C-alpha atoms as a PDB file:
ATOM      1  CA  GLN A   1       4.104  23.021  27.434  1.00  0.00           C
ATOM      2  CA  ARG A   2       6.103  20.140  28.395  1.00  0.00           C
ATOM      3  CA  ALA A   3       6.058  20.044  31.711  1.00  0.00           C
ATOM      4  CA  LEU A   4       2.099  20.176  31.210  1.00  0.00           C
ATOM      5  CA  PHE A   5       2.873  18.330  28.460  1.00  0.00           C
ATOM      6  CA  GLU A   6       4.448  15.191  30.091  1.00  0.00           C
ATOM      7  CA  PHE A   7       1.648  15.678  33.854  1.00  0.00           C
ATOM      8  CA  GLN A   8      -1.037  14.535  30.597  1.00  0.00           C
ATOM      9  CA  LEU A   9       1.225  11.224  30.278  1.00  0.00           C
ATOM     10  CA  SER A  10       1.632  10.443  33.337  1.00  0.00           C
ATOM     11  CA  LEU A  11      -2.080  10.923  34.707  1.00  0.00           C
ATOM     12  CA  ALA A  12      -2.950   8.817  31.959  1.00  0.00           C
ATOM     13  CA  LYS A  13       0.550   6.362  32.463  1.00  0.00           C
ATOM     14  CA  THR A  14      -1.060   6.371  35.953  1.00  0.00           C
ATOM     15  CA  TYR A  15      -5.239   5.547  35.550  1.00  0.00           C
ATOM     16  CA  ALA A  16      -4.539   3.500  32.220  1.00  0.00           C
ATOM     17  CA  LEU A  17      -6.331   6.673  30.394  1.00  0.00           C
ATOM     18  CA  PRO A  18      -5.823   7.063  26.357  1.00  0.00           C
ATOM     19  CA  LEU A  19      -4.737   9.782  26.305  1.00  0.00           C
ATOM     20  CA  VAL A  20      -5.457  13.017  23.291  1.00  0.00           C
ATOM     21  CA  ILE A  21      -2.385  14.779  21.366  1.00  0.00           C
ATOM     22  CA  HIS A  22      -2.900  17.649  19.761  1.00  0.00           C
ATOM     23  CA  GLN A  23       0.449  18.392  17.363  1.00  0.00           C
ATOM     24  CA  ARG A  24       1.334  21.429  15.074  1.00  0.00           C
ATOM     25  CA  ARG A  25       4.096  21.371  14.161  1.00  0.00           C
ATOM     26  CA  ALA A  26       5.952  18.476  16.265  1.00  0.00           C
ATOM     27  CA  LEU A  27       5.997  15.074  15.328  1.00  0.00           C
ATOM     28  CA  ASP A  28       9.530  15.602  16.188  1.00  0.00           C
ATOM     29  CA  PHE A  29       8.162  16.260  19.797  1.00  0.00           C
ATOM     30  CA  VAL A  30       5.956  13.295  19.869  1.00  0.00           C
ATOM     31  CA  PHE A  31       8.428  11.320  19.060  1.00  0.00           C
ATOM     32  CA  SER A  32      10.779  11.448  21.463  1.00  0.00           C
ATOM     33  CA  TYR A  33       8.173  10.345  23.709  1.00  0.00           C
ATOM     34  CA  ALA A  34       7.693   7.175  21.398  1.00  0.00           C
ATOM     35  CA  ALA A  35       8.391   5.232  24.346  1.00  0.00           C
ATOM     36  CA  ALA A  36       6.410   6.321  27.021  1.00  0.00           C
ATOM     37  CA  LEU A  37       2.930   6.157  24.659  1.00  0.00           C
ATOM     38  CA  LYS A  38       4.361   3.237  23.474  1.00  0.00           C
ATOM     39  CA  ALA A  39       3.280   2.428  27.393  1.00  0.00           C
ATOM     40  CA  LEU A  40      -0.264   3.517  27.428  1.00  0.00           C
ATOM     41  CA  PRO A  41      -3.756   2.510  26.146  1.00  0.00           C
ATOM     42  CA  ALA A  42      -4.788   4.453  23.357  1.00  0.00           C
ATOM     43  CA  VAL A  43      -3.181   7.674  21.772  1.00  0.00           C
ATOM     44  CA  VAL A  44      -6.040   9.876  19.524  1.00  0.00           C
ATOM     45  CA  PHE A  45      -4.304  11.656  17.401  1.00  0.00           C
ATOM     46  CA  HIS A  46      -6.953  14.480  17.483  1.00  0.00           C
ATOM     47  CA  ALA A  47      -7.524  17.019  14.380  1.00  0.00           C
ATOM     48  CA  TRP A  48      -4.725  14.760  12.346  1.00  0.00           C
ATOM     49  CA  THR A  49      -3.186  16.437   9.349  1.00  0.00           C
ATOM     50  CA  GLY A  50       0.271  14.841   9.067  1.00  0.00           C
ATOM     51  CA  PRO A  51       1.744  12.872   6.065  1.00  0.00           C
ATOM     52  CA  LEU A  52       1.045   9.717   6.159  1.00  0.00           C
ATOM     53  CA  PRO A  53       4.872   7.961   6.353  1.00  0.00           C
ATOM     54  CA  GLU A  54       4.455   9.589  10.070  1.00  0.00           C
ATOM     55  CA  ALA A  55       0.889   8.413  11.652  1.00  0.00           C
ATOM     56  CA  GLN A  56       2.873   4.384  10.040  1.00  0.00           C
ATOM     57  CA  ALA A  57       6.329   5.254  11.745  1.00  0.00           C
ATOM     58  CA  LEU A  58       4.474   5.581  14.693  1.00  0.00           C
ATOM     59  CA  LEU A  59       1.847   2.546  14.413  1.00  0.00           C
ATOM     60  CA  ALA A  60       5.788   0.894  13.657  1.00  0.00           C
ATOM     61  CA  ARG A  61       6.662   1.989  17.033  1.00  0.00           C
ATOM     62  CA  GLY A  62       3.778   0.135  18.296  1.00  0.00           C
ATOM     63  CA  ILE A  63       2.322   3.219  20.395  1.00  0.00           C
ATOM     64  CA  ARG A  64      -1.782   2.184  19.425  1.00  0.00           C
ATOM     65  CA  ALA A  65      -2.511   4.948  17.817  1.00  0.00           C
ATOM     66  CA  TYR A  66      -5.848   6.400  16.456  1.00  0.00           C
ATOM     67  CA  PHE A  67      -5.206   9.182  14.186  1.00  0.00           C
ATOM     68  CA  SER A  68      -8.592  11.049  14.434  1.00  0.00           C
ATOM     69  CA  PHE A  69      -9.540  13.757  10.851  1.00  0.00           C
ATOM     70  CA  GLY A  70     -12.239  16.370  10.602  1.00  0.00           C
ATOM     71  CA  ALA A  71     -13.689  18.755   7.891  1.00  0.00           C
ATOM     72  CA  SER A  72      -9.634  19.246   6.977  1.00  0.00           C
ATOM     73  CA  ILE A  73     -10.310  15.893   4.061  1.00  0.00           C
ATOM     74  CA  LEU A  74     -13.089  18.055   3.086  1.00  0.00           C
ATOM     75  CA  ASN A  75     -11.281  21.210   2.170  1.00  0.00           C
ATOM     76  CA  GLY A  76      -7.965  20.222  -0.008  1.00  0.00           C
ATOM     77  CA  ASN A  77      -6.013  19.225   2.544  1.00  0.00           C
ATOM     78  CA  ARG A  78      -3.529  16.537   0.432  1.00  0.00           C
ATOM     79  CA  LYS A  79      -1.814  14.623   3.547  1.00  0.00           C
ATOM     80  CA  ALA A  80      -4.047  14.979   5.323  1.00  0.00           C
ATOM     81  CA  ALA A  81      -6.677  13.145   2.916  1.00  0.00           C
ATOM     82  CA  THR A  82      -4.087  11.202   2.142  1.00  0.00           C
ATOM     83  CA  SER A  83      -2.784   9.592   5.563  1.00  0.00           C
ATOM     84  CA  CYS A  84      -7.675   9.067   5.766  1.00  0.00           C
ATOM     85  CA  ALA A  85      -6.963   7.309   2.862  1.00  0.00           C
ATOM     86  CA  GLY A  86      -3.980   5.454   3.407  1.00  0.00           C
ATOM     87  CA  ILE A  87      -3.940   4.187   7.841  1.00  0.00           C
ATOM     88  CA  PRO A  88      -5.228   0.923   8.619  1.00  0.00           C
ATOM     89  CA  ALA A  89      -9.153   0.830   8.944  1.00  0.00           C
ATOM     90  CA  SER A  90      -7.708   0.432  12.761  1.00  0.00           C
ATOM     91  CA  ALA A  91      -6.088   3.007  13.735  1.00  0.00           C
ATOM     92  CA  ILE A  92      -9.236   5.911  12.068  1.00  0.00           C
ATOM     93  CA  LEU A  93     -11.417   8.218  13.778  1.00  0.00           C
ATOM     94  CA  LEU A  94     -13.630  11.133  12.483  1.00  0.00           C
ATOM     95  CA  GLU A  95     -13.581  14.639  14.657  1.00  0.00           C
ATOM     96  CA  THR A  96     -16.450  17.957  14.091  1.00  0.00           C
ATOM     97  CA  ASP A  97     -13.710  20.535  16.064  1.00  0.00           C
ATOM     98  CA  ALA A  98     -13.881  23.380  16.532  1.00  0.00           C
ATOM     99  CA  PRO A  99     -17.238  26.175  14.846  1.00  0.00           C
ATOM    100  CA  TYR A 100     -14.512  27.678  12.606  1.00  0.00           C
ATOM    101  CA  GLN A 101     -12.518  24.268  11.195  1.00  0.00           C
ATOM    102  CA  ALA A 102     -16.075  23.697   8.895  1.00  0.00           C
ATOM    103  CA  PRO A 103     -16.630  22.110   6.277  1.00  0.00           C
ATOM    104  CA  ARG A 104     -15.685  24.695   2.974  1.00  0.00           C
ATOM    105  CA  GLY A 105     -19.621  26.198   2.665  1.00  0.00           C
ATOM    106  CA  LEU A 106     -20.382  25.409   5.931  1.00  0.00           C
ATOM    107  CA  SER A 107     -19.916  27.431   8.528  1.00  0.00           C
ATOM    108  CA  PRO A 108     -20.176  27.022  11.871  1.00  0.00           C
ATOM    109  CA  CYS A 109     -19.259  23.452  12.298  1.00  0.00           C
ATOM    110  CA  VAL A 110     -21.600  21.455  13.572  1.00  0.00           C
ATOM    111  CA  PRO A 111     -21.376  17.859  15.236  1.00  0.00           C
ATOM    112  CA  ALA A 112     -23.712  17.067  12.312  1.00  0.00           C
ATOM    113  CA  HIS A 113     -21.481  17.334  10.052  1.00  0.00           C
ATOM    114  CA  ILE A 114     -19.529  14.542  10.795  1.00  0.00           C
ATOM    115  CA  ASP A 115     -22.324  12.830   7.945  1.00  0.00           C
ATOM    116  CA  LEU A 116     -19.414  14.625   4.702  1.00  0.00           C
ATOM    117  CA  ILE A 117     -17.215  13.607   6.890  1.00  0.00           C
ATOM    118  CA  LEU A 118     -18.188  10.070   7.089  1.00  0.00           C
ATOM    119  CA  GLN A 119     -18.795   9.788   3.256  1.00  0.00           C
ATOM    120  CA  GLY A 120     -15.230  11.701   2.017  1.00  0.00           C
ATOM    121  CA  ALA A 121     -13.157   9.544   4.417  1.00  0.00           C
ATOM    122  CA  ALA A 122     -15.505   6.407   2.983  1.00  0.00           C
ATOM    123  CA  THR A 123     -14.521   7.737  -0.989  1.00  0.00           C
ATOM    124  CA  LEU A 124     -11.135   8.495  -0.033  1.00  0.00           C
ATOM    125  CA  ARG A 125     -10.610   4.881   1.290  1.00  0.00           C
ATOM    126  CA  GLU A 126     -12.267   3.294  -1.261  1.00  0.00           C
ATOM    127  CA  VAL A 127     -14.867   2.446   1.221  1.00  0.00           C
ATOM    128  CA  ASP A 128     -18.839   1.450   2.579  1.00  0.00           C
ATOM    129  CA  ALA A 129     -19.759   4.723   4.401  1.00  0.00           C
ATOM    130  CA  GLN A 130     -21.333   2.333   6.701  1.00  0.00           C
ATOM    131  CA  ALA A 131     -18.635  -0.470   7.017  1.00  0.00           C
ATOM    132  CA  LEU A 132     -16.431   2.638   7.594  1.00  0.00           C
ATOM    133  CA  CYS A 133     -18.748   4.038  10.233  1.00  0.00           C
ATOM    134  CA  GLU A 134     -19.443   0.667  12.372  1.00  0.00           C
ATOM    135  CA  ARG A 135     -15.719   0.496  11.707  1.00  0.00           C
ATOM    136  CA  VAL A 136     -15.621   3.985  13.505  1.00  0.00           C
ATOM    137  CA  GLU A 137     -17.276   3.348  16.868  1.00  0.00           C
ATOM    138  CA  THR A 138     -15.353   0.108  17.673  1.00  0.00           C
ATOM    139  CA  ASN A 139     -12.445   1.803  17.089  1.00  0.00           C
ATOM    140  CA  PHE A 140     -13.664   4.493  19.461  1.00  0.00           C
ATOM    141  CA  ARG A 141     -14.789   2.007  21.882  1.00  0.00           C
ATOM    142  CA  SER A 142     -12.059   0.773  21.573  1.00  0.00           C
ATOM    143  CA  VAL A 143     -10.126   3.730  23.022  1.00  0.00           C
ATOM    144  CA  PHE A 144     -12.793   5.319  25.302  1.00  0.00           C
ATOM    145  CA  GLY A 145     -15.025   1.721  26.730  1.00  0.00           C
END
């Protein structure tokens, strides 16, 4: 995995592309690449369920990190919910994921569930859902053009 990660990292750096990372139990590995990640235009942490202090630490290292939240914020994942509530608005993205990661009681997960995730994120952040939607769209365009 390390060799493939380094290959993807080199492609992202060479072509000035964002890198999407789905890390599970590997934050120490991610932090070991902080200097290289800092050189990228954006790093998206897909399906982020990590703790808020770790997200803040990535941002503090100068990584242009975006943390993407899905149904985990609706399904009782406290770390994901706390991260979603606490990260800067400029670093938040939202997503629906694989069919098996649906909001509780709904299966399979479908793209239309993004409205539920948006509302859940807005509730956690104590902001208007439309304003959060606009911010997420701005963030998405910053990452992907």
